[in-house]
Protein backbone atom coordinates (compact mmCIF):
# COMPACT_ATOMS: atom_id res chain seq x y z
CA MET A 1 17.60 -7.30 -5.70
CA ARG A 2 18.25 -4.23 -3.83
CA SER A 3 14.38 -4.48 -2.58
CA MET A 4 15.89 -8.01 -1.13
CA PHE A 5 18.38 -6.71 0.45
CA PRO A 6 16.88 -5.69 4.06
CA PHE A 7 15.12 -9.40 4.09
CA LEU A 8 18.17 -11.54 3.65
CA ILE A 9 20.35 -9.56 6.72
CA VAL A 10 17.05 -10.43 8.81
CA PHE A 11 16.69 -13.97 7.94
CA GLY A 12 20.36 -14.21 7.56
CA LEU A 13 20.90 -12.99 10.92
CA ALA A 14 17.82 -15.09 12.83
CA ALA A 15 19.63 -18.22 11.18
CA VAL A 16 22.77 -17.42 13.16
CA LEU A 17 20.97 -17.37 16.55
CA PRO A 18 20.50 -21.00 17.13
CA PHE A 19 24.44 -21.15 16.67
CA THR A 20 25.16 -18.24 19.22
CA GLY A 21 24.37 -20.99 22.09
CA SER A 22 21.33 -19.12 24.05
CA ASP A 23 18.27 -21.43 23.91
CA TYR A 24 16.09 -18.68 25.97
CA TRP A 25 16.64 -16.08 22.53
CA THR A 26 16.05 -19.19 20.49
CA LEU A 27 12.89 -19.98 21.76
CA ILE A 28 11.95 -16.44 21.28
CA ALA A 29 12.90 -15.99 17.81
CA THR A 30 10.59 -19.10 17.22
CA ARG A 31 7.66 -17.43 18.70
CA ALA A 32 8.55 -14.26 16.63
CA ALA A 33 9.19 -16.44 13.59
CA ILE A 34 5.48 -18.04 14.09
CA TYR A 35 3.54 -14.83 14.92
CA TRP A 36 4.80 -13.07 11.61
CA VAL A 37 3.51 -16.58 9.75
CA LEU A 38 -0.02 -14.92 10.92
CA VAL A 39 0.89 -11.52 10.66
CA SER A 40 1.99 -11.88 6.75
CA GLY A 41 -1.27 -13.05 5.77
CA LEU A 42 -2.89 -10.67 8.25
CA ASN A 43 -1.10 -7.92 6.61
CA LEU A 44 -2.78 -8.30 3.49
CA ALA A 45 -6.01 -7.37 4.60
CA VAL A 46 -5.35 -5.15 6.98
CA GLY A 47 -1.71 -3.02 5.78
CA PHE A 48 -3.03 -3.50 2.46
CA GLY A 49 -6.63 -4.35 2.14
CA GLY A 50 -7.32 -1.41 5.22
CA GLN A 51 -9.64 -3.96 6.64
CA LEU A 52 -10.01 -3.48 10.58
CA ALA A 53 -9.39 -7.45 11.31
CA ILE A 54 -8.82 -7.18 15.08
CA GLY A 55 -9.44 -10.58 16.36
CA TYR A 56 -7.21 -12.97 14.35
CA VAL A 57 -6.45 -14.29 17.76
CA ALA A 58 -9.30 -16.25 16.78
CA LEU A 59 -7.89 -17.86 13.87
CA LEU A 60 -4.56 -18.94 15.98
CA THR A 61 -6.68 -20.64 18.49
CA LEU A 62 -8.62 -22.68 15.79
CA GLY A 63 -5.88 -23.64 14.15
CA ALA A 64 -3.79 -24.96 17.70
CA TYR A 65 -6.96 -26.74 18.54
CA THR A 66 -7.67 -28.42 14.94
CA ALA A 67 -4.20 -29.59 14.86
CA SER A 68 -3.80 -30.55 18.66
CA VAL A 69 -7.45 -32.52 18.39
CA LEU A 70 -6.51 -34.10 15.30
CA VAL A 71 -3.01 -35.40 16.85
CA ALA A 72 -4.47 -36.23 20.05
CA GLY A 73 -6.84 -38.45 18.25
CA ASN A 74 -9.96 -36.92 19.84
CA LEU A 75 -12.28 -37.15 16.53
CA GLY A 76 -11.37 -40.25 15.52
CA PRO A 77 -8.16 -41.75 14.27
CA ALA A 78 -4.46 -39.79 15.48
CA TRP A 79 -3.30 -38.01 12.34
CA PRO A 80 0.64 -37.43 11.96
CA ALA A 81 1.57 -33.97 13.06
CA PHE A 82 2.02 -32.66 9.34
CA PRO A 83 -1.18 -33.48 8.00
CA ALA A 84 -2.91 -32.31 11.04
CA LEU A 85 -0.90 -28.86 10.02
CA GLY A 86 -2.34 -29.22 6.83
CA ALA A 87 -5.66 -29.65 7.71
CA ALA A 88 -5.76 -26.85 10.21
CA GLY A 89 -4.91 -24.80 7.23
CA VAL A 90 -8.15 -25.79 5.21
CA VAL A 91 -10.33 -24.80 8.68
CA GLY A 92 -8.49 -21.92 8.82
CA ALA A 93 -9.06 -20.73 5.32
CA VAL A 94 -12.77 -21.20 5.19
CA ALA A 95 -12.93 -19.71 8.51
CA GLY A 96 -11.46 -16.97 7.82
CA VAL A 97 -13.70 -16.10 4.68
CA ILE A 98 -16.61 -16.75 6.89
CA ILE A 99 -14.77 -13.98 9.24
CA GLY A 100 -14.09 -11.74 6.42
CA LEU A 101 -17.65 -12.19 4.81
CA PRO A 102 -19.08 -8.94 7.03
CA ALA A 103 -16.29 -6.53 5.64
CA LEU A 104 -18.40 -6.81 2.50
CA ARG A 105 -21.20 -5.19 4.26
CA LEU A 106 -19.69 -3.37 7.51
CA ARG A 107 -17.11 -1.10 7.88
CA THR A 108 -13.82 0.04 9.98
CA PHE A 109 -15.11 -0.50 13.81
CA TYR A 110 -17.77 -2.60 13.18
CA PHE A 111 -16.06 -4.85 11.46
CA ALA A 112 -13.47 -4.94 13.95
CA MET A 113 -16.44 -5.61 16.68
CA THR A 114 -17.45 -8.53 14.61
CA THR A 115 -14.05 -10.42 14.42
CA LEU A 116 -13.59 -10.06 18.40
CA GLY A 117 -16.68 -11.66 18.69
CA PHE A 118 -15.75 -14.73 16.93
CA ALA A 119 -12.55 -14.66 19.24
CA THR A 120 -15.04 -14.77 22.00
CA ILE A 121 -17.16 -17.51 20.34
CA LEU A 122 -13.89 -19.68 19.96
CA THR A 123 -12.56 -19.47 23.51
CA GLN A 124 -16.22 -20.38 25.09
CA VAL A 125 -16.54 -23.62 22.58
CA ALA A 126 -12.76 -24.80 23.40
CA LEU A 127 -14.49 -24.18 27.52
CA ALA A 128 -17.59 -26.05 26.68
CA TRP A 129 -16.50 -28.75 24.46
CA GLN A 130 -14.74 -30.75 27.13
CA GLY A 131 -14.57 -34.20 25.24
CA VAL A 132 -12.70 -32.68 22.51
CA THR A 133 -10.64 -29.80 23.25
CA GLY A 134 -10.07 -31.03 27.02
CA GLY A 135 -12.04 -27.60 28.34
CA GLY A 136 -10.49 -25.50 30.90
CA ILE A 137 -7.64 -27.97 31.28
CA GLY A 138 -6.46 -28.57 27.60
CA LEU A 139 -4.96 -31.07 25.53
CA PRO A 140 -1.35 -31.31 24.48
CA GLY A 141 0.13 -29.56 21.79
CA PRO A 142 1.34 -31.72 18.11
CA THR A 143 4.72 -33.09 18.51
CA LEU A 144 6.64 -32.90 15.16
CA PRO A 145 9.21 -35.54 14.02
CA ALA A 146 12.59 -35.80 14.00
CA PRO A 147 14.56 -33.47 13.27
CA PHE A 148 11.76 -31.06 14.10
CA ASP A 149 11.45 -32.51 17.38
CA THR A 150 14.53 -30.48 18.87
CA GLY A 151 14.25 -26.81 19.58
CA PRO A 152 16.66 -25.78 16.84
CA GLY A 153 15.39 -28.15 14.60
CA PHE A 154 11.51 -26.35 15.13
CA TYR A 155 13.30 -23.28 14.92
CA PHE A 156 14.53 -23.75 11.49
CA LEU A 157 11.34 -25.43 10.16
CA CYS A 158 9.53 -21.92 11.75
CA LEU A 159 11.68 -19.83 10.53
CA ALA A 160 12.07 -21.37 6.76
CA PHE A 161 7.80 -21.13 6.84
CA ALA A 162 8.36 -17.38 7.94
CA ALA A 163 10.71 -17.03 5.15
CA PHE A 164 8.26 -18.50 2.40
CA CYS A 165 5.17 -16.32 3.66
CA THR A 166 7.33 -13.23 3.25
CA TRP A 167 8.29 -14.29 -0.35
CA ILE A 168 4.73 -15.62 -1.49
CA THR A 169 2.75 -12.11 0.65
CA ALA A 170 5.66 -9.63 -1.03
CA ASN A 171 4.71 -11.72 -4.29
CA VAL A 172 0.98 -10.83 -4.09
CA ALA A 173 1.83 -7.01 -2.51
CA HIS A 174 3.78 -6.39 -6.58
CA SER A 175 0.84 -7.76 -8.39
CA ARG A 176 -2.25 -6.86 -9.93
CA PHE A 177 -3.79 -8.00 -6.60
CA GLY A 178 -1.84 -6.28 -3.98
CA ARG A 179 -2.09 -2.97 -5.87
CA ALA A 180 -5.86 -3.44 -6.02
CA LEU A 181 -5.81 -4.40 -2.27
CA VAL A 182 -4.51 -0.65 -2.03
CA ALA A 183 -7.03 1.02 -4.29
CA ILE A 184 -9.86 -0.51 -2.21
CA ARG A 185 -8.65 0.89 0.98
CA ASP A 186 -7.65 4.29 -0.48
CA ALA A 187 -10.16 4.91 -3.41
CA GLU A 188 -12.86 2.46 -3.38
CA VAL A 189 -14.99 4.48 -5.66
CA ALA A 190 -12.03 4.40 -8.89
CA ALA A 191 -11.36 0.80 -7.50
CA GLU A 192 -14.79 0.12 -8.82
CA ALA A 193 -14.74 2.26 -11.63
CA ILE A 194 -11.46 0.46 -13.02
CA GLY A 195 -13.50 -2.95 -12.75
CA ILE A 196 -12.02 -4.23 -9.85
CA SER A 197 -14.24 -6.56 -7.61
CA LYS A 198 -14.17 -6.11 -3.88
CA PRO A 199 -15.61 -9.19 -2.52
CA ALA A 200 -14.23 -11.56 -4.74
CA LEU A 201 -10.60 -10.11 -4.05
CA LEU A 202 -11.68 -9.70 -0.36
CA VAL A 203 -12.98 -13.32 0.22
CA THR A 204 -9.54 -14.63 -1.97
CA VAL A 205 -7.49 -12.77 0.51
CA PHE A 206 -9.39 -13.74 3.67
CA LEU A 207 -9.16 -17.21 2.76
CA PHE A 208 -5.40 -16.94 2.00
CA SER A 209 -4.92 -15.07 5.55
CA GLY A 210 -7.07 -17.31 7.20
CA ALA A 211 -4.83 -20.76 5.98
CA THR A 212 -1.39 -18.95 7.42
CA ALA A 213 -3.26 -18.16 10.48
CA ALA A 214 -4.27 -21.25 11.56
CA ILE A 215 -1.16 -23.02 10.72
CA ALA A 216 0.24 -20.48 12.74
CA GLY A 217 -1.99 -21.55 15.63
CA GLY A 218 -0.92 -25.20 15.04
CA LEU A 219 3.13 -24.14 15.24
CA PHE A 220 2.14 -21.90 18.18
CA ALA A 221 0.58 -25.38 19.86
CA THR A 222 3.53 -27.05 19.28
CA LEU A 223 5.93 -24.75 20.76
CA GLN A 224 3.85 -24.44 23.80
CA SER A 225 3.65 -28.07 24.23
CA TYR A 226 0.23 -27.60 25.83
CA ILE A 227 -2.53 -25.57 25.38
CA THR A 228 -5.46 -23.80 27.17
CA PRO A 229 -7.99 -21.00 26.50
CA ASP A 230 -6.19 -19.03 28.36
CA ALA A 231 -2.95 -19.12 26.08
CA PHE A 232 -5.24 -17.04 23.65
CA THR A 233 -5.36 -13.86 25.25
CA PHE A 234 -7.03 -10.17 23.52
CA ASP A 235 -3.16 -9.33 24.10
CA LEU A 236 -2.24 -11.60 21.23
CA SER A 237 -4.81 -9.75 18.97
CA VAL A 238 -3.30 -6.30 19.50
CA LEU A 239 0.14 -7.66 19.33
CA PHE A 240 -0.86 -8.77 15.81
CA PHE A 241 -3.00 -5.93 14.68
CA ILE A 242 -0.24 -3.10 15.96
CA ALA A 243 2.86 -4.80 14.33
CA ILE A 244 0.89 -4.02 11.20
CA LEU A 245 0.41 -0.26 12.37
CA ILE A 246 3.75 0.46 13.47
CA GLY A 247 5.23 -1.60 10.77
CA GLY A 248 3.60 0.87 7.98
CA ARG A 249 0.79 0.16 5.68
CA GLY A 250 1.55 -1.10 2.27
CA SER A 251 4.59 -2.41 3.39
CA ILE A 252 6.29 -5.91 4.11
CA LEU A 253 9.53 -5.17 5.62
CA GLY A 254 7.61 -2.64 8.15
CA PRO A 255 5.30 -5.29 9.73
CA LEU A 256 8.19 -7.88 9.87
CA LEU A 257 10.10 -5.44 11.91
CA GLY A 258 7.33 -4.49 13.96
CA THR A 259 6.48 -8.19 14.54
CA ILE A 260 10.16 -9.07 16.09
CA ILE A 261 9.95 -5.68 17.89
CA LEU A 262 6.71 -6.49 19.95
CA THR A 263 8.06 -9.63 20.47
CA VAL A 264 11.29 -9.09 22.04
CA LEU A 265 10.37 -6.01 23.64
CA PRO A 266 8.14 -7.49 26.66
CA GLU A 267 11.94 -9.56 27.55
CA PHE A 268 13.56 -6.58 28.16
CA ALA A 269 10.70 -5.16 30.35
CA ALA A 270 9.49 -8.52 32.17
CA PRO A 271 8.67 -6.29 35.68
CA LEU A 272 6.00 -4.34 33.11
CA VAL A 273 4.42 -7.47 31.49
CA ALA A 274 1.17 -6.70 33.32
CA TRP A 275 1.14 -3.49 31.72
CA SER A 276 1.66 -4.74 28.24
CA THR A 277 -1.79 -3.68 26.77
CA PHE A 278 -1.32 -0.07 27.86
CA LEU A 279 2.11 -0.33 26.78
CA TYR A 280 0.87 -1.19 23.27
CA ALA A 281 -1.71 1.66 23.05
CA ALA A 282 1.07 4.08 24.42
CA LEU A 283 3.05 3.08 21.38
CA LEU A 284 0.20 3.21 19.21
CA LEU A 285 -0.12 6.76 20.03
CA ILE A 286 3.14 7.36 19.55
CA ILE A 287 3.11 6.23 15.97
CA VAL A 288 0.24 7.79 15.03
CA LEU A 289 1.08 11.21 16.17
CA VAL A 290 5.01 10.94 15.42
CA ILE A 291 5.54 8.57 12.22
CA PRO A 292 2.02 7.95 10.92
CA GLY A 293 3.61 6.22 8.11
CA GLY A 294 5.36 3.72 10.71
CA ILE A 295 8.63 2.11 10.35
CA ALA A 296 8.06 1.41 6.58
CA ASP A 297 7.98 5.74 6.22
CA LEU A 298 11.03 5.57 8.22
CA LEU A 299 13.13 3.60 6.06
CA ASP A 300 11.75 4.99 2.33
CA PHE A 301 14.50 7.34 1.95
CA ALA A 302 13.76 7.65 -2.02
CA ASN A 303 11.11 9.25 -1.40
CA ARG A 304 12.60 12.36 0.94
CA ARG A 305 14.60 13.54 -1.67
CA PRO A 306 13.66 17.33 -3.27
CA LEU A 307 11.55 17.04 -6.81
CA GLU A 308 12.36 19.42 -9.22
CA ARG A 309 10.19 22.48 -8.71
CA ASN A 310 8.68 24.15 -11.87
CA ARG A 311 7.83 21.38 -13.66
CA ALA A 312 6.03 21.51 -16.97
CA ILE A 313 3.22 19.00 -18.22
CA ILE A 314 3.89 18.12 -21.68
CA PRO A 315 1.62 15.48 -22.94
CA ARG A 316 2.44 13.56 -26.24
CA PRO A 317 -0.59 12.80 -27.80
CA GLU A 318 0.82 11.31 -30.68
CA LEU A 319 1.60 8.32 -28.87
CA LEU A 320 -2.05 7.90 -28.66
CA ALA A 321 -1.63 5.50 -31.41
CA GLU A 322 -0.52 2.76 -29.63
CA ILE A 323 -3.01 2.47 -26.63
CA LEU A 324 -6.19 3.65 -28.49
CA ASP A 325 -7.54 2.33 -31.98
CA HIS A 326 -11.27 1.84 -32.06
CA GLY A 327 -11.47 2.02 -35.57
CA ALA A 328 -15.38 2.54 -37.11
CA ALA A 329 -16.57 1.84 -33.78
CA ARG A 330 -20.56 1.97 -33.96
CA ALA A 331 -21.80 1.44 -30.14
CA THR A 332 -23.02 4.41 -28.07
CA ILE A 333 -24.00 5.38 -24.55
CA ASP A 334 -27.43 6.21 -24.96
CA LEU A 335 -29.99 7.52 -21.88
CA ARG A 336 -33.51 7.38 -22.32
CA GLY A 337 -35.77 8.94 -19.60
CA VAL A 338 -33.39 8.85 -16.92
CA VAL A 339 -34.95 10.04 -13.49
CA LEU A 340 -32.96 10.29 -10.40
CA SER A 341 -34.00 11.51 -7.28
CA PHE A 342 -32.54 12.02 -3.47
CA GLY A 343 -35.11 12.59 -0.98
CA GLY A 344 -37.62 15.09 -2.55
CA VAL A 345 -35.09 16.75 -5.05
CA ARG A 346 -35.08 15.14 -8.26
CA ALA A 347 -31.51 15.46 -9.45
CA ILE A 348 -32.16 13.94 -13.08
CA ASP A 349 -35.37 14.79 -14.36
CA GLY A 350 -36.37 12.63 -17.69
CA LEU A 351 -32.64 13.28 -19.23
CA ASP A 352 -32.35 11.94 -22.77
CA LEU A 353 -28.40 11.78 -23.47
CA GLN A 354 -26.31 10.26 -26.54
CA ILE A 355 -22.74 9.65 -26.40
CA GLU A 356 -20.98 8.80 -30.04
CA PRO A 357 -18.09 7.52 -30.55
CA ARG A 358 -14.96 9.91 -32.14
CA GLN A 359 -17.04 12.84 -30.20
CA VAL A 360 -16.48 15.01 -27.58
CA HIS A 361 -19.52 15.75 -25.91
CA GLY A 362 -19.63 18.97 -23.60
CA LEU A 363 -22.10 18.55 -20.62
CA ILE A 364 -22.23 21.85 -18.63
CA GLY A 365 -24.55 23.89 -16.45
CA PRO A 366 -25.04 25.63 -12.95
CA ASN A 367 -23.76 23.71 -9.88
CA GLY A 368 -26.34 21.35 -8.55
CA SER A 369 -27.72 20.95 -12.28
CA GLY A 370 -27.14 17.60 -12.69
CA LYS A 371 -23.84 16.65 -14.54
CA THR A 372 -22.11 14.65 -12.24
CA THR A 373 -25.00 12.92 -11.21
CA THR A 374 -25.18 12.03 -14.63
CA LEU A 375 -21.88 10.80 -14.76
CA ASN A 376 -22.68 8.88 -11.63
CA VAL A 377 -25.46 6.91 -13.11
CA ILE A 378 -23.40 5.94 -16.32
CA SER A 379 -20.58 4.50 -13.84
CA GLY A 380 -23.00 2.72 -12.21
CA TYR A 381 -22.70 4.30 -9.13
CA TYR A 382 -26.27 5.37 -8.69
CA ARG A 383 -28.99 3.59 -10.47
CA PRO A 384 -31.97 5.13 -12.22
CA GLU A 385 -35.42 4.82 -10.50
CA HIS A 386 -36.83 5.44 -14.19
CA GLY A 387 -35.48 5.30 -17.54
CA THR A 388 -32.58 2.95 -19.02
CA VAL A 389 -28.64 3.61 -19.60
CA GLY A 390 -27.66 1.44 -22.67
CA LEU A 391 -23.93 0.81 -24.06
CA GLY A 392 -25.16 -0.70 -27.81
CA ASP A 393 -27.35 -3.83 -27.49
CA VAL A 394 -26.16 -3.52 -23.57
CA ASP A 395 -28.51 -2.76 -20.46
CA LEU A 396 -26.06 -0.57 -18.25
CA SER A 397 -29.25 0.30 -15.79
CA HIS A 398 -28.88 -3.04 -13.52
CA GLN A 399 -25.17 -3.96 -14.44
CA PRO A 400 -22.66 -3.49 -11.18
CA THR A 401 -20.38 -0.71 -11.19
CA GLN A 402 -17.24 -3.05 -12.19
CA ALA A 403 -18.67 -4.09 -15.15
CA ARG A 404 -18.48 -0.90 -17.03
CA ALA A 405 -14.82 -1.42 -17.45
CA GLY A 406 -14.86 -4.62 -19.02
CA LEU A 407 -17.19 -2.77 -21.35
CA GLY A 408 -14.39 -0.06 -22.09
CA ILE A 409 -16.06 2.74 -19.79
CA ALA A 410 -13.46 4.79 -17.68
CA ARG A 411 -13.74 7.47 -15.72
CA THR A 412 -12.02 10.26 -13.44
CA PHE A 413 -13.67 12.23 -10.96
CA GLN A 414 -13.46 15.72 -9.58
CA THR A 415 -11.31 15.42 -6.95
CA PRO A 416 -8.57 13.04 -7.92
CA ARG A 417 -8.65 9.52 -6.68
CA LEU A 418 -4.84 8.15 -6.08
CA ILE A 419 -3.25 5.63 -3.97
CA GLY A 420 -1.25 8.50 -1.76
CA GLU A 421 1.58 5.73 -0.45
CA ALA A 422 2.03 3.67 -4.23
CA SER A 423 4.22 5.62 -6.86
CA VAL A 424 3.05 7.66 -9.73
CA LEU A 425 3.64 4.13 -12.13
CA GLN A 426 2.01 1.73 -10.01
CA ASN A 427 -1.20 3.84 -9.87
CA VAL A 428 -1.63 3.88 -13.43
CA MET A 429 -0.89 0.35 -13.26
CA ILE A 430 -3.90 -0.33 -10.94
CA GLY A 431 -6.08 0.94 -13.98
CA GLY A 432 -5.27 -1.79 -15.89
CA SER A 433 -5.76 -4.38 -13.49
CA ILE A 434 -8.82 -6.34 -14.98
CA ASN A 435 -6.34 -6.88 -17.97
CA GLY A 436 -4.21 -9.35 -15.96
CA THR A 437 -4.60 -13.13 -17.06
CA ALA A 438 -2.35 -14.96 -13.60
CA SER A 439 -5.14 -16.03 -11.04
CA PHE A 440 -4.25 -15.12 -7.31
CA ALA A 441 -2.54 -18.49 -6.52
CA GLU A 442 -0.24 -18.09 -9.76
CA SER A 443 0.89 -14.47 -8.09
CA LEU A 444 1.39 -15.90 -5.00
CA LEU A 445 4.17 -18.32 -6.59
CA THR A 446 5.19 -15.79 -9.31
CA LEU A 447 4.55 -18.06 -11.96
CA PRO A 448 5.58 -17.20 -15.63
CA ARG A 449 1.81 -15.94 -16.52
CA HIS A 450 2.01 -13.74 -13.74
CA ARG A 451 5.27 -12.16 -14.73
CA ARG A 452 4.33 -11.67 -18.14
CA ASP A 453 1.13 -9.53 -16.58
CA GLU A 454 3.60 -7.30 -14.52
CA ARG A 455 5.68 -6.80 -17.78
CA ARG A 456 3.00 -5.90 -20.09
CA LEU A 457 0.92 -3.87 -17.15
CA ARG A 458 4.55 -2.23 -16.36
CA ALA A 459 5.07 -1.21 -20.28
CA GLN A 460 1.56 0.22 -21.04
CA ALA A 461 1.55 2.19 -17.61
CA THR A 462 5.06 3.61 -19.17
CA LEU A 463 3.43 4.41 -22.60
CA ALA A 464 0.44 5.86 -20.69
CA LEU A 465 2.54 8.49 -18.47
CA ARG A 466 4.87 9.26 -21.80
CA VAL A 467 1.17 10.05 -23.36
CA VAL A 468 -0.14 12.54 -20.46
CA GLY A 469 3.68 13.69 -19.87
CA LEU A 470 4.64 12.11 -16.54
CA GLU A 471 6.98 9.79 -17.48
CA SER A 472 9.59 11.61 -15.39
CA LEU A 473 7.76 11.17 -12.18
CA ALA A 474 7.17 7.39 -12.58
CA ALA A 475 8.89 6.57 -9.60
CA VAL A 476 7.42 9.23 -7.28
CA ARG A 477 4.82 8.63 -4.64
CA ALA A 478 1.75 9.67 -5.54
CA ASP A 479 0.58 12.14 -3.07
CA ARG A 480 3.63 14.06 -3.57
CA LEU A 481 2.51 15.29 -6.96
CA GLN A 482 0.80 18.94 -7.88
CA HIS A 483 -2.75 18.84 -8.16
CA SER A 484 -2.36 19.38 -12.11
CA GLU A 485 -0.28 17.00 -12.42
CA LEU A 486 -2.99 14.34 -10.27
CA ARG A 487 -5.16 15.21 -13.21
CA PHE A 488 -3.27 14.01 -15.84
CA MET A 489 -2.12 11.02 -13.97
CA GLU A 490 -5.93 10.21 -13.40
CA ILE A 491 -6.41 10.01 -17.28
CA ALA A 492 -3.14 8.16 -17.80
CA ARG A 493 -4.78 5.42 -15.49
CA ALA A 494 -7.90 5.49 -17.31
CA LEU A 495 -5.86 5.15 -20.74
CA MET A 496 -4.83 1.58 -19.27
CA LEU A 497 -8.46 0.64 -20.07
CA HIS A 498 -7.72 1.20 -23.87
CA PRO A 499 -11.47 2.70 -23.28
CA THR A 500 -14.28 3.13 -25.81
CA PHE A 501 -15.68 5.83 -24.06
CA ILE A 502 -13.89 8.08 -21.00
CA LEU A 503 -16.00 10.01 -18.85
CA LEU A 504 -14.05 13.12 -17.26
CA ASP A 505 -15.31 15.54 -14.65
CA GLU A 506 -14.09 18.60 -14.25
CA PRO A 507 -10.11 17.64 -15.63
CA ALA A 508 -9.18 21.44 -16.16
CA ALA A 509 -9.84 22.44 -12.32
CA GLY A 510 -6.89 23.48 -10.93
CA LEU A 511 -4.92 24.01 -14.23
CA SER A 512 -3.29 26.84 -15.53
CA THR A 513 -4.33 28.43 -18.67
CA ASP A 514 -1.07 26.40 -20.56
CA GLU A 515 -2.40 23.18 -19.02
CA ILE A 516 -5.73 23.47 -19.98
CA LYS A 517 -4.64 23.95 -23.91
CA ARG A 518 -2.29 21.09 -23.52
CA LEU A 519 -5.17 19.17 -21.62
CA GLY A 520 -7.97 20.46 -24.49
CA GLU A 521 -5.82 19.20 -27.26
CA LEU A 522 -5.07 15.95 -25.63
CA ILE A 523 -8.63 14.95 -24.99
CA LYS A 524 -9.28 15.96 -28.79
CA ARG A 525 -6.87 13.81 -29.80
CA ILE A 526 -8.30 10.77 -27.66
CA SER A 527 -11.47 11.42 -29.50
CA GLN A 528 -9.77 11.66 -33.05
CA ARG A 529 -8.75 7.59 -32.04
CA GLY A 530 -12.30 6.69 -31.70
CA THR A 531 -13.28 7.02 -28.33
CA GLY A 532 -16.04 9.08 -26.89
CA VAL A 533 -15.70 11.39 -24.19
CA LEU A 534 -17.94 12.95 -22.12
CA LEU A 535 -16.63 16.14 -20.59
CA VAL A 536 -17.99 17.57 -17.54
CA GLU A 537 -16.58 20.83 -17.08
CA HIS A 538 -16.84 24.65 -16.06
CA HIS A 539 -14.23 26.25 -18.19
CA ALA A 540 -16.64 27.37 -21.32
CA ASP A 541 -14.02 28.22 -23.44
CA LEU A 542 -12.70 24.44 -23.34
CA ILE A 543 -15.77 23.63 -24.00
CA PHE A 544 -16.40 25.48 -26.76
CA ASP A 545 -12.91 25.15 -28.31
CA ILE A 546 -12.99 21.28 -28.43
CA CYS A 547 -16.48 19.53 -28.34
CA ASP A 548 -18.53 18.20 -30.85
CA THR A 549 -21.98 18.13 -29.32
CA VAL A 550 -22.76 19.89 -26.01
CA THR A 551 -25.57 19.53 -23.61
CA VAL A 552 -26.75 22.09 -20.94
CA LEU A 553 -28.46 21.03 -17.74
CA ASN A 554 -30.68 22.93 -15.57
CA LEU A 555 -32.47 21.79 -12.46
CA GLY A 556 -31.86 18.00 -13.53
CA ARG A 557 -32.95 18.87 -17.02
CA GLU A 558 -31.92 19.42 -20.53
CA LEU A 559 -31.79 23.30 -21.12
CA ALA A 560 -30.47 22.99 -24.36
CA ALA A 561 -28.38 20.69 -26.68
CA GLY A 562 -26.26 21.56 -30.47
CA THR A 563 -23.31 22.55 -31.42
CA PRO A 564 -20.90 25.06 -29.26
CA SER A 565 -22.04 27.72 -32.03
CA ASP A 566 -25.84 27.06 -31.22
CA ILE A 567 -24.92 26.89 -27.50
CA ARG A 568 -23.39 29.98 -27.48
CA ALA A 569 -26.22 31.79 -29.16
CA HIS A 570 -29.14 30.10 -26.68
CA LYS A 571 -30.60 33.18 -25.14
CA GLU A 572 -31.85 30.81 -22.11
CA VAL A 573 -28.36 29.21 -21.79
CA VAL A 574 -26.41 32.81 -21.97
CA SER A 575 -29.43 33.71 -19.15
CA ALA A 576 -29.02 30.48 -17.03
CA TYR A 577 -25.33 29.91 -17.10
CA LEU A 578 -22.84 31.57 -19.34
CA GLY A 579 -24.04 35.50 -18.60
CA ALA A 580 -23.86 38.38 -20.71
C-alpha cells in the first residue's frame, strides 16, 4: 500500500484540477495524461528493457491518423469514435512489433536510428496520401460522444486511461516479465543462462507499447481537433524519450513525474519555446552528470541507509533439501571431441569431458587453457566446430542458449552478473523466470495465476537466500553488496532453477579464507543432493578439498584427469600449473 501512496497523490491532485476553474491548465493536464499513456508503454521497452526506441512519435502519428481516417470515413464507412480508437490500438500493436524487430539484431544507436527512420517514413506517407490523410492540409480528429465531448469530460477519460496504464505497467514491472526485461538490459548473458528468451519477450513488449502509443495518438488527435503532419515533430519524440531518462530507468513513478514536468515546463518558459530541443538536451546532460539515476534515485530513500559493516556470510546448506532432491539422477553432460577456434587459435582442441550427477568435477589449468571457453560451449554461448555436447540423450550442440535452463543446467560467471538497481531478492527471483506459469496478459491484470507465481517465486528466492546466508540483505539494492556477497547471490540465483547441473566459474575469486571454506562446504552439499557440479577455479586447495574428479587443461587440450590425489602426483601438471 505504501508503494501506491505517491501515485494516489499524483492522480488525486489531477482529479481535483478541473474544479479549480482553470480551463487552460485542464487542457495542459489532458495533454500530459495523453503523453503518459504513450510513455507508460514505452517505459517498458526503454526504461526496463534498455532499448533505445527514440522515434515513438511514429506510433503517435499512426494512431492519430488511423483513428481520424476511420472516423472520417475516408477508407469505407465512417466508424464510431471508440471502435476507431480500438482499431488504432490494433494497428499500433502490429507497427510496434515491426519497429521493434530490428532490436533483435541491432543495438543502441543503430536501433534508435531505425525508429527515427520509421517516423520519417510515416510523415512522408501522410503527406503523399492526400485522398485519405488530407496531405499537408490534414483532417479533423475524432469527436467523442457525450459526456466526453466537453473539456472536463475528455480530461477525465484521458486521466482514467492514464491511471489504468499506470496500474497495468506497474503490474508488469513487478512480475517475472518486468524482472526479465531488466535482466536483458543489464545482464543479457546471465538472462540467457536462466532461460529468458529475449526475442519472445521484446516482441510482446513492443506489441503492448505500440498499442498504448497508438491509442495515445487517437486521443491526441481528439485533443487537437485537427491534425496535420506538422503536429508530430521530432521534439515530441525527444520529450517522450527524455521523460523516461530523467524519471529513472526501471521505475514507474519517475517517468510519470518526468512526463508531467516536461509537459508543464514549456508553459512557464513560453518565450524559450524555439529553444526547446536545446533545453531538452541541456536537461538531459544535467541529469546524467548530477543524478544519473534520475528522479527515481532521488526518491529512493531506503537505499541511502548505511549497511552494517563487517558482515559475515554464513550459509545454511542443511536447507538445500527443500530446493534440491534429484534422487538417483543418471543423465550426464558429455563432451566428445569438441573443437573450437578463434581465428587461428584453437581454444579447445579435441576435448572429451564427462560430468556426472552427485559429483564435483574440477576444471583447472593456466590462464588461456580453455576452462571458461569450455563452460561457454556447454552453456551454448559458443557452438563447437567439431564434436558434440550432450545431456543424456539430448544433443545440446545446436540448442539455443536459453534452452539449457529448461534442461536443468545453471551457470555463474567469472564477473558476477547483477541487476544493480534491483534488490537482492529480485535478483534471485529472476533465476526462476522460466518456472512462472502466468501469461503476459495475466500479469498485466494481476490475475490469480500471476499472484500465485509471485508468491511462489518470492518464497523460493527467500529460501535460496537463506541457503547462501544472505537473507538479511534481501531488500538491499544488489549494487551495494560486497564482491563476496555477489558471488553467493549468483549461486542463490542458480539454485532457483533447481538445477541438475551447475557450472561455477571461479566462485572463490575475491573471497576470504573463511568464505572459501564455507563456499566449499556449500558446493559439496549441493552435489550430495544429486546435482552435478563443474567447478572452474584457481584456488587449488578448494579444488583438491571438495572435488571427486579433476581435469587439467593446457592449450585447449586435456593434460591430465583423475582423482585429486592422482593430479597432485602428476609430473606434467606440477610442471605446467601447480609448480614445485
